Amino acid sequence: MKLHHLEGHIQTILLAEYPEKLLLLDGCCRSDISIIKHFITDTLKRPFTDLTLVMVTHMHPDHAGAANTLRKITGCKLAAANVSGQWYSGIDGKIMHLTDMLLAKWVAKRMDKTHNKMWYSSKLFPDYKLDDGEALPGFPDWVAIETQGHTDRDLSLHHLPSNKVYIADLIVKVKNKYIPPFPVFYPNRYKTSLNKVFALNANSLILAHGGEVNLTENDHQSLIKLAPKTPQTHWRTVKTKLKRVLRLSQNAM
């Protein structure tokens, strides 16, 4: 297995190459499809249909945005966590879906990336639903690890032979500092997931936003301290800002 790290729109694209098949470790952004196709067909000199499986670690735009379209184009299978229902369900879900796409566009602008389409379906119907510790279909050297907290369906992917773990958005690297992601819907689950990943004693962790890193026990404890004690979500952030504005307005009277 050879793991290729490609620069995606706002995240790292991770493509695992095997002699007869290819595995995409996450669903990427919708605009990353051309990058993936170019690398497979032009760099690897392989048919696009060699893409066999696409993992979706969670439903955010830079992790699920290309998945449904890749399945239509290549015939690949999709795999995600065995969690019932859709992440973006109901009216609140539709609003959150739109908000997440706008947030991804904001991140792209901060990274001086050109404008690209970010829209993707809010629904995912994977071919495989994986439980904690279950091997990836067709790729038994990879195991799915349940690492909820950021959302209710986050997965990390443990490559057993190399003892490397792709942790998606469990940890992000900003200005050379390791911090929890935004949002964190389930703080207690998030801390459990951090402890779970560090307990694997991996040779390295691969971040969707920060590359391949080696974290220390000090980093672990720092992340535990930084982890929110209450949910940090879009709506809670808006309410907090509104309260602050109202408080300032009242003090100014």
C-alpha atoms as a PDB file:
ATOM      1  CA  MET A   1       0.000   0.000   0.000  1.00  0.00           C
ATOM      2  CA  LYS A   2       1.237   3.461  -0.905  1.00  0.00           C
ATOM      3  CA  LEU A   3      -0.546   6.422   0.658  1.00  0.00           C
ATOM      4  CA  HIS A   4      -0.627   9.565  -1.476  1.00  0.00           C
ATOM      5  CA  HIS A   5      -1.149  12.971   0.155  1.00  0.00           C
ATOM      6  CA  LEU A   6      -2.698  15.442  -2.305  1.00  0.00           C
ATOM      7  CA  GLU A   7      -3.566  19.079  -1.729  1.00  0.00           C
ATOM      8  CA  GLY A   8      -7.333  19.417  -1.825  1.00  0.00           C
ATOM      9  CA  HIS A   9      -9.446  22.546  -1.865  1.00  0.00           C
ATOM     10  CA  ILE A  10      -9.292  23.095   1.896  1.00  0.00           C
ATOM     11  CA  GLN A  11      -8.095  19.714   3.208  1.00  0.00           C
ATOM     12  CA  THR A  12      -5.630  16.951   2.468  1.00  0.00           C
ATOM     13  CA  ILE A  13      -6.797  14.275   0.039  1.00  0.00           C
ATOM     14  CA  LEU A  14      -5.583  10.812   1.032  1.00  0.00           C
ATOM     15  CA  LEU A  15      -5.545   8.121  -1.633  1.00  0.00           C
ATOM     16  CA  ALA A  16      -4.324   4.617  -0.824  1.00  0.00           C
ATOM     17  CA  GLU A  17      -2.877   2.831  -3.856  1.00  0.00           C
ATOM     18  CA  TYR A  18      -2.893  -0.939  -4.298  1.00  0.00           C
ATOM     19  CA  PRO A  19      -1.929  -2.971  -7.380  1.00  0.00           C
ATOM     20  CA  GLU A  20      -5.535  -3.614  -8.429  1.00  0.00           C
ATOM     21  CA  LYS A  21      -7.605  -1.042  -6.542  1.00  0.00           C
ATOM     22  CA  LEU A  22      -7.648   2.389  -4.937  1.00  0.00           C
ATOM     23  CA  LEU A  23      -9.109   3.606  -1.639  1.00  0.00           C
ATOM     24  CA  LEU A  24     -10.053   7.217  -0.918  1.00  0.00           C
ATOM     25  CA  LEU A  25      -9.908   7.828   2.824  1.00  0.00           C
ATOM     26  CA  ASP A  26     -12.501  10.588   2.794  1.00  0.00           C
ATOM     27  CA  GLY A  27     -15.202  12.104   0.598  1.00  0.00           C
ATOM     28  CA  CYS A  28     -13.377  15.424   0.021  1.00  0.00           C
ATOM     29  CA  CYS A  29     -14.903  18.605  -1.418  1.00  0.00           C
ATOM     30  CA  ARG A  30     -17.029  18.525  -4.529  1.00  0.00           C
ATOM     31  CA  SER A  31     -14.403  20.621  -6.308  1.00  0.00           C
ATOM     32  CA  ASP A  32     -11.711  18.008  -5.545  1.00  0.00           C
ATOM     33  CA  ILE A  33     -13.105  15.534  -8.077  1.00  0.00           C
ATOM     34  CA  SER A  34     -10.990  16.926 -10.920  1.00  0.00           C
ATOM     35  CA  ILE A  35      -7.855  16.741  -8.744  1.00  0.00           C
ATOM     36  CA  ILE A  36      -8.541  13.108  -7.846  1.00  0.00           C
ATOM     37  CA  LYS A  37      -9.289  12.161 -11.447  1.00  0.00           C
ATOM     38  CA  HIS A  38      -6.182  13.908 -12.785  1.00  0.00           C
ATOM     39  CA  PHE A  39      -3.937  12.162 -10.257  1.00  0.00           C
ATOM     40  CA  ILE A  40      -5.390   8.707 -10.925  1.00  0.00           C
ATOM     41  CA  THR A  41      -5.523   8.923 -14.721  1.00  0.00           C
ATOM     42  CA  ASP A  42      -2.527  11.147 -15.490  1.00  0.00           C
ATOM     43  CA  THR A  43      -0.066  10.541 -12.641  1.00  0.00           C
ATOM     44  CA  LEU A  44      -0.820   6.929 -11.761  1.00  0.00           C
ATOM     45  CA  LYS A  45      -1.801   6.078 -15.370  1.00  0.00           C
ATOM     46  CA  ARG A  46      -4.776   4.074 -14.169  1.00  0.00           C
ATOM     47  CA  PRO A  47      -8.451   4.096 -15.096  1.00  0.00           C
ATOM     48  CA  PHE A  48     -10.648   6.238 -12.878  1.00  0.00           C
ATOM     49  CA  THR A  49     -12.763   3.152 -12.242  1.00  0.00           C
ATOM     50  CA  ASP A  50      -9.897   1.647 -10.210  1.00  0.00           C
ATOM     51  CA  LEU A  51     -11.303   3.768  -7.395  1.00  0.00           C
ATOM     52  CA  THR A  52     -13.027   0.982  -5.466  1.00  0.00           C
ATOM     53  CA  LEU A  53     -14.064   2.463  -2.126  1.00  0.00           C
ATOM     54  CA  VAL A  54     -14.617   5.979  -0.795  1.00  0.00           C
ATOM     55  CA  MET A  55     -14.855   6.450   2.951  1.00  0.00           C
ATOM     56  CA  VAL A  56     -16.960   9.247   4.419  1.00  0.00           C
ATOM     57  CA  THR A  57     -15.709   9.999   7.920  1.00  0.00           C
ATOM     58  CA  HIS A  58     -18.503  12.520   8.541  1.00  0.00           C
ATOM     59  CA  MET A  59     -20.886  14.678   6.564  1.00  0.00           C
ATOM     60  CA  HIS A  60     -19.131  18.048   6.391  1.00  0.00           C
ATOM     61  CA  PRO A  61     -18.475  19.607   2.938  1.00  0.00           C
ATOM     62  CA  ASP A  62     -14.767  18.743   2.843  1.00  0.00           C
ATOM     63  CA  HIS A  63     -15.360  15.127   3.884  1.00  0.00           C
ATOM     64  CA  ALA A  64     -18.519  14.142   2.031  1.00  0.00           C
ATOM     65  CA  GLY A  65     -18.801  16.689  -0.770  1.00  0.00           C
ATOM     66  CA  ALA A  66     -17.469  14.519  -3.601  1.00  0.00           C
ATOM     67  CA  ALA A  67     -18.700  11.113  -2.425  1.00  0.00           C
ATOM     68  CA  ASN A  68     -22.050  10.777  -4.206  1.00  0.00           C
ATOM     69  CA  THR A  69     -20.674  12.151  -7.478  1.00  0.00           C
ATOM     70  CA  LEU A  70     -17.633   9.865  -7.372  1.00  0.00           C
ATOM     71  CA  ARG A  71     -19.944   6.885  -6.973  1.00  0.00           C
ATOM     72  CA  LYS A  72     -21.945   7.974 -10.043  1.00  0.00           C
ATOM     73  CA  ILE A  73     -18.805   8.514 -12.149  1.00  0.00           C
ATOM     74  CA  THR A  74     -16.662   5.538 -11.152  1.00  0.00           C
ATOM     75  CA  GLY A  75     -19.080   2.982  -9.749  1.00  0.00           C
ATOM     76  CA  CYS A  76     -17.145   2.916  -6.479  1.00  0.00           C
ATOM     77  CA  LYS A  77     -18.795   1.955  -3.193  1.00  0.00           C
ATOM     78  CA  LEU A  78     -19.296   4.338  -0.268  1.00  0.00           C
ATOM     79  CA  ALA A  79     -18.756   3.469   3.376  1.00  0.00           C
ATOM     80  CA  ALA A  80     -19.612   5.441   6.501  1.00  0.00           C
ATOM     81  CA  ALA A  81     -20.351   4.942  10.196  1.00  0.00           C
ATOM     82  CA  ASN A  82     -23.208   2.707  11.227  1.00  0.00           C
ATOM     83  CA  VAL A  83     -25.369   5.505  12.599  1.00  0.00           C
ATOM     84  CA  SER A  84     -29.074   5.703  11.837  1.00  0.00           C
ATOM     85  CA  GLY A  85     -30.681   8.690  10.153  1.00  0.00           C
ATOM     86  CA  GLN A  86     -29.193  11.591   8.241  1.00  0.00           C
ATOM     87  CA  TRP A  87     -26.877  14.110   9.906  1.00  0.00           C
ATOM     88  CA  TYR A  88     -28.597  17.005   8.155  1.00  0.00           C
ATOM     89  CA  SER A  89     -32.193  16.114   8.984  1.00  0.00           C
ATOM     90  CA  GLY A  90     -35.188  18.400   9.424  1.00  0.00           C
ATOM     91  CA  ILE A  91     -35.342  22.167   9.046  1.00  0.00           C
ATOM     92  CA  ASP A  92     -32.457  22.690  11.469  1.00  0.00           C
ATOM     93  CA  GLY A  93     -30.405  20.256   9.413  1.00  0.00           C
ATOM     94  CA  LYS A  94     -31.037  22.171   6.198  1.00  0.00           C
ATOM     95  CA  ILE A  95     -29.931  25.399   7.869  1.00  0.00           C
ATOM     96  CA  MET A  96     -26.832  23.691   9.288  1.00  0.00           C
ATOM     97  CA  HIS A  97     -26.002  22.201   5.874  1.00  0.00           C
ATOM     98  CA  LEU A  98     -26.080  25.665   4.318  1.00  0.00           C
ATOM     99  CA  THR A  99     -24.083  27.113   7.220  1.00  0.00           C
ATOM    100  CA  ASP A 100     -21.404  24.430   6.896  1.00  0.00           C
ATOM    101  CA  MET A 101     -20.977  25.168   3.194  1.00  0.00           C
ATOM    102  CA  LEU A 102     -20.658  28.887   3.912  1.00  0.00           C
ATOM    103  CA  LEU A 103     -18.116  28.112   6.634  1.00  0.00           C
ATOM    104  CA  ALA A 104     -16.114  25.981   4.175  1.00  0.00           C
ATOM    105  CA  LYS A 105     -16.169  28.863   1.674  1.00  0.00           C
ATOM    106  CA  TRP A 106     -14.896  31.186   4.409  1.00  0.00           C
ATOM    107  CA  VAL A 107     -12.039  28.783   5.183  1.00  0.00           C
ATOM    108  CA  ALA A 108     -11.169  28.624   1.464  1.00  0.00           C
ATOM    109  CA  LYS A 109     -11.077  32.423   1.288  1.00  0.00           C
ATOM    110  CA  ARG A 110      -8.780  32.559   4.312  1.00  0.00           C
ATOM    111  CA  MET A 111      -6.493  30.116   2.500  1.00  0.00           C
ATOM    112  CA  ASP A 112      -6.518  32.319  -0.628  1.00  0.00           C
ATOM    113  CA  LYS A 113      -8.162  29.549  -2.630  1.00  0.00           C
ATOM    114  CA  THR A 114     -10.060  30.407  -5.789  1.00  0.00           C
ATOM    115  CA  HIS A 115     -13.845  30.271  -5.707  1.00  0.00           C
ATOM    116  CA  ASN A 116     -15.175  26.774  -6.302  1.00  0.00           C
ATOM    117  CA  LYS A 117     -18.600  25.231  -6.065  1.00  0.00           C
ATOM    118  CA  MET A 118     -19.204  23.813  -2.605  1.00  0.00           C
ATOM    119  CA  TRP A 119     -22.766  22.527  -2.910  1.00  0.00           C
ATOM    120  CA  TYR A 120     -23.368  18.798  -2.354  1.00  0.00           C
ATOM    121  CA  SER A 121     -26.300  16.659  -1.284  1.00  0.00           C
ATOM    122  CA  SER A 122     -27.125  16.735   2.407  1.00  0.00           C
ATOM    123  CA  LYS A 123     -28.064  13.048   2.262  1.00  0.00           C
ATOM    124  CA  LEU A 124     -25.826  10.016   2.097  1.00  0.00           C
ATOM    125  CA  PHE A 125     -26.885   6.418   1.592  1.00  0.00           C
ATOM    126  CA  PRO A 126     -23.668   4.420   1.973  1.00  0.00           C
ATOM    127  CA  ASP A 127     -23.241   0.963   0.507  1.00  0.00           C
ATOM    128  CA  TYR A 128     -21.597  -0.135   3.743  1.00  0.00           C
ATOM    129  CA  LYS A 129     -22.230   0.960   7.328  1.00  0.00           C
ATOM    130  CA  LEU A 130     -19.266   0.191   9.545  1.00  0.00           C
ATOM    131  CA  ASP A 131     -19.173  -0.516  13.264  1.00  0.00           C
ATOM    132  CA  ASP A 132     -16.300   0.314  15.582  1.00  0.00           C
ATOM    133  CA  GLY A 133     -13.364  -2.014  14.890  1.00  0.00           C
ATOM    134  CA  GLU A 134     -14.759  -3.303  11.604  1.00  0.00           C
ATOM    135  CA  ALA A 135     -12.406  -3.784   8.641  1.00  0.00           C
ATOM    136  CA  LEU A 136     -13.017  -1.701   5.532  1.00  0.00           C
ATOM    137  CA  PRO A 137     -14.741  -3.769   2.807  1.00  0.00           C
ATOM    138  CA  GLY A 138     -12.083  -5.030   0.403  1.00  0.00           C
ATOM    139  CA  PHE A 139      -9.305  -3.420   2.449  1.00  0.00           C
ATOM    140  CA  PRO A 140      -8.762  -5.621   5.540  1.00  0.00           C
ATOM    141  CA  ASP A 141      -5.534  -3.807   6.435  1.00  0.00           C
ATOM    142  CA  TRP A 142      -7.671  -0.779   7.423  1.00  0.00           C
ATOM    143  CA  VAL A 143     -10.020  -0.711  10.434  1.00  0.00           C
ATOM    144  CA  ALA A 144     -12.739   1.831  11.188  1.00  0.00           C
ATOM    145  CA  ILE A 145     -12.508   3.458  14.607  1.00  0.00           C
ATOM    146  CA  GLU A 146     -15.534   5.256  16.040  1.00  0.00           C
ATOM    147  CA  THR A 147     -14.377   8.724  17.162  1.00  0.00           C
ATOM    148  CA  GLN A 148     -17.531  10.744  17.732  1.00  0.00           C
ATOM    149  CA  GLY A 149     -17.695  14.230  19.196  1.00  0.00           C
ATOM    150  CA  HIS A 150     -17.232  16.583  16.266  1.00  0.00           C
ATOM    151  CA  THR A 151     -20.498  15.017  15.020  1.00  0.00           C
ATOM    152  CA  ASP A 152     -22.439  11.892  15.934  1.00  0.00           C
ATOM    153  CA  ARG A 153     -20.886   9.744  13.198  1.00  0.00           C
ATOM    154  CA  ASP A 154     -17.162  10.492  13.013  1.00  0.00           C
ATOM    155  CA  LEU A 155     -14.794   7.732  11.983  1.00  0.00           C
ATOM    156  CA  SER A 156     -11.023   7.456  12.127  1.00  0.00           C
ATOM    157  CA  LEU A 157      -9.191   4.908   9.978  1.00  0.00           C
ATOM    158  CA  HIS A 158      -6.394   2.759  11.420  1.00  0.00           C
ATOM    159  CA  HIS A 159      -3.923   1.206   8.993  1.00  0.00           C
ATOM    160  CA  LEU A 160      -2.772  -1.809  10.965  1.00  0.00           C
ATOM    161  CA  PRO A 161       0.495  -2.751   9.156  1.00  0.00           C
ATOM    162  CA  SER A 162       1.960   0.757   9.452  1.00  0.00           C
ATOM    163  CA  ASN A 163       0.129   1.642  12.694  1.00  0.00           C
ATOM    164  CA  LYS A 164      -0.898   5.003  11.249  1.00  0.00           C
ATOM    165  CA  VAL A 165      -4.303   6.537  11.932  1.00  0.00           C
ATOM    166  CA  TYR A 166      -6.213   8.993   9.769  1.00  0.00           C
ATOM    167  CA  ILE A 167      -8.268  10.989  12.290  1.00  0.00           C
ATOM    168  CA  ALA A 168     -10.080  13.371   9.903  1.00  0.00           C
ATOM    169  CA  ASP A 169     -11.208  16.389  12.002  1.00  0.00           C
ATOM    170  CA  LEU A 170     -10.709  14.943  15.475  1.00  0.00           C
ATOM    171  CA  ILE A 171      -7.774  17.349  15.837  1.00  0.00           C
ATOM    172  CA  VAL A 172      -6.920  20.347  13.675  1.00  0.00           C
ATOM    173  CA  LYS A 173      -3.649  22.214  13.382  1.00  0.00           C
ATOM    174  CA  VAL A 174      -3.868  26.010  13.351  1.00  0.00           C
ATOM    175  CA  LYS A 175      -0.763  28.202  13.479  1.00  0.00           C
ATOM    176  CA  ASN A 176       1.327  25.215  14.585  1.00  0.00           C
ATOM    177  CA  LYS A 177      -1.015  24.501  17.492  1.00  0.00           C
ATOM    178  CA  TYR A 178      -3.234  21.457  17.919  1.00  0.00           C
ATOM    179  CA  ILE A 179      -6.786  22.331  18.869  1.00  0.00           C
ATOM    180  CA  PRO A 180     -10.248  20.724  18.889  1.00  0.00           C
ATOM    181  CA  PRO A 181     -12.356  21.266  15.769  1.00  0.00           C
ATOM    182  CA  PHE A 182     -15.428  23.436  15.401  1.00  0.00           C
ATOM    183  CA  PRO A 183     -18.109  22.418  16.009  1.00  0.00           C
ATOM    184  CA  VAL A 184     -18.024  19.914  18.859  1.00  0.00           C
ATOM    185  CA  PHE A 185     -21.574  18.681  19.348  1.00  0.00           C
ATOM    186  CA  TYR A 186     -20.767  16.016  21.935  1.00  0.00           C
ATOM    187  CA  PRO A 187     -18.019  17.142  24.367  1.00  0.00           C
ATOM    188  CA  ASN A 188     -17.945  13.952  26.453  1.00  0.00           C
ATOM    189  CA  ARG A 189     -17.761  11.735  23.375  1.00  0.00           C
ATOM    190  CA  TYR A 190     -15.038  13.995  22.011  1.00  0.00           C
ATOM    191  CA  LYS A 191     -12.797  13.504  25.045  1.00  0.00           C
ATOM    192  CA  THR A 192     -13.426   9.768  24.937  1.00  0.00           C
ATOM    193  CA  SER A 193     -12.404   9.741  21.276  1.00  0.00           C
ATOM    194  CA  LEU A 194      -9.190  11.645  22.017  1.00  0.00           C
ATOM    195  CA  ASN A 195      -8.265   9.146  24.720  1.00  0.00           C
ATOM    196  CA  LYS A 196      -9.176   6.262  22.431  1.00  0.00           C
ATOM    197  CA  VAL A 197      -6.905   7.443  19.619  1.00  0.00           C
ATOM    198  CA  PHE A 198      -3.952   8.185  21.890  1.00  0.00           C
ATOM    199  CA  ALA A 199      -4.351   4.752  23.491  1.00  0.00           C
ATOM    200  CA  LEU A 200      -3.583   3.186  20.099  1.00  0.00           C
ATOM    201  CA  ASN A 201       0.043   4.384  20.434  1.00  0.00           C
ATOM    202  CA  ALA A 202       0.114   5.006  16.698  1.00  0.00           C
ATOM    203  CA  ASN A 203       3.358   5.662  14.866  1.00  0.00           C
ATOM    204  CA  SER A 204       1.720   8.800  13.484  1.00  0.00           C
ATOM    205  CA  LEU A 205      -1.634  10.533  13.188  1.00  0.00           C
ATOM    206  CA  ILE A 206      -2.845  11.940   9.885  1.00  0.00           C
ATOM    207  CA  LEU A 207      -4.973  15.082  10.117  1.00  0.00           C
ATOM    208  CA  ALA A 208      -7.278  16.304   7.376  1.00  0.00           C
ATOM    209  CA  HIS A 209      -6.116  19.795   8.312  1.00  0.00           C
ATOM    210  CA  GLY A 210      -2.505  19.603   9.397  1.00  0.00           C
ATOM    211  CA  GLY A 211      -0.850  16.645   7.687  1.00  0.00           C
ATOM    212  CA  GLU A 212       0.910  13.667   9.242  1.00  0.00           C
ATOM    213  CA  VAL A 213       2.105  14.383  12.764  1.00  0.00           C
ATOM    214  CA  ASN A 214       3.561  12.787  15.870  1.00  0.00           C
ATOM    215  CA  LEU A 215       1.803  14.010  18.983  1.00  0.00           C
ATOM    216  CA  THR A 216       3.190  13.756  22.493  1.00  0.00           C
ATOM    217  CA  GLU A 217       1.463  13.049  25.791  1.00  0.00           C
ATOM    218  CA  ASN A 218       1.748  16.779  26.494  1.00  0.00           C
ATOM    219  CA  ASP A 219      -0.210  17.434  23.299  1.00  0.00           C
ATOM    220  CA  HIS A 220      -2.787  14.902  24.464  1.00  0.00           C
ATOM    221  CA  GLN A 221      -3.258  16.572  27.831  1.00  0.00           C
ATOM    222  CA  SER A 222      -3.360  20.018  26.228  1.00  0.00           C
ATOM    223  CA  LEU A 223      -6.153  18.897  23.904  1.00  0.00           C
ATOM    224  CA  ILE A 224      -8.107  17.448  26.827  1.00  0.00           C
ATOM    225  CA  LYS A 225      -7.839  20.800  28.623  1.00  0.00           C
ATOM    226  CA  LEU A 226      -8.895  22.705  25.492  1.00  0.00           C
ATOM    227  CA  ALA A 227     -11.823  20.398  24.811  1.00  0.00           C
ATOM    228  CA  PRO A 228     -15.133  22.183  25.408  1.00  0.00           C
ATOM    229  CA  LYS A 229     -17.196  21.262  28.438  1.00  0.00           C
ATOM    230  CA  THR A 230     -20.452  22.217  26.736  1.00  0.00           C
ATOM    231  CA  PRO A 231     -21.442  21.776  23.077  1.00  0.00           C
ATOM    232  CA  GLN A 232     -19.770  24.294  20.765  1.00  0.00           C
ATOM    233  CA  THR A 233     -22.156  24.564  17.838  1.00  0.00           C
ATOM    234  CA  HIS A 234     -23.250  27.078  15.220  1.00  0.00           C
ATOM    235  CA  TRP A 235     -26.430  28.098  17.031  1.00  0.00           C
ATOM    236  CA  ARG A 236     -24.802  28.338  20.461  1.00  0.00           C
ATOM    237  CA  THR A 237     -22.098  30.565  18.982  1.00  0.00           C
ATOM    238  CA  VAL A 238     -24.704  32.860  17.425  1.00  0.00           C
ATOM    239  CA  LYS A 239     -26.668  33.052  20.698  1.00  0.00           C
ATOM    240  CA  THR A 240     -23.507  33.880  22.646  1.00  0.00           C
ATOM    241  CA  LYS A 241     -22.661  36.716  20.247  1.00  0.00           C
ATOM    242  CA  LEU A 242     -26.220  38.044  20.351  1.00  0.00           C
ATOM    243  CA  LYS A 243     -26.169  38.074  24.151  1.00  0.00           C
ATOM    244  CA  ARG A 244     -22.873  39.953  24.096  1.00  0.00           C
ATOM    245  CA  VAL A 245     -24.262  42.554  21.699  1.00  0.00           C
ATOM    246  CA  LEU A 246     -27.394  43.010  23.816  1.00  0.00           C
ATOM    247  CA  ARG A 247     -25.332  43.350  26.978  1.00  0.00           C
ATOM    248  CA  LEU A 248     -23.134  46.021  25.393  1.00  0.00           C
ATOM    249  CA  SER A 249     -26.196  47.856  24.125  1.00  0.00           C
ATOM    250  CA  GLN A 250     -27.787  47.868  27.573  1.00  0.00           C
ATOM    251  CA  ASN A 251     -24.586  49.100  29.204  1.00  0.00           C
ATOM    252  CA  ALA A 252     -24.388  51.922  26.676  1.00  0.00           C
ATOM    253  CA  MET A 253     -27.880  53.212  27.605  1.00  0.00           C
END
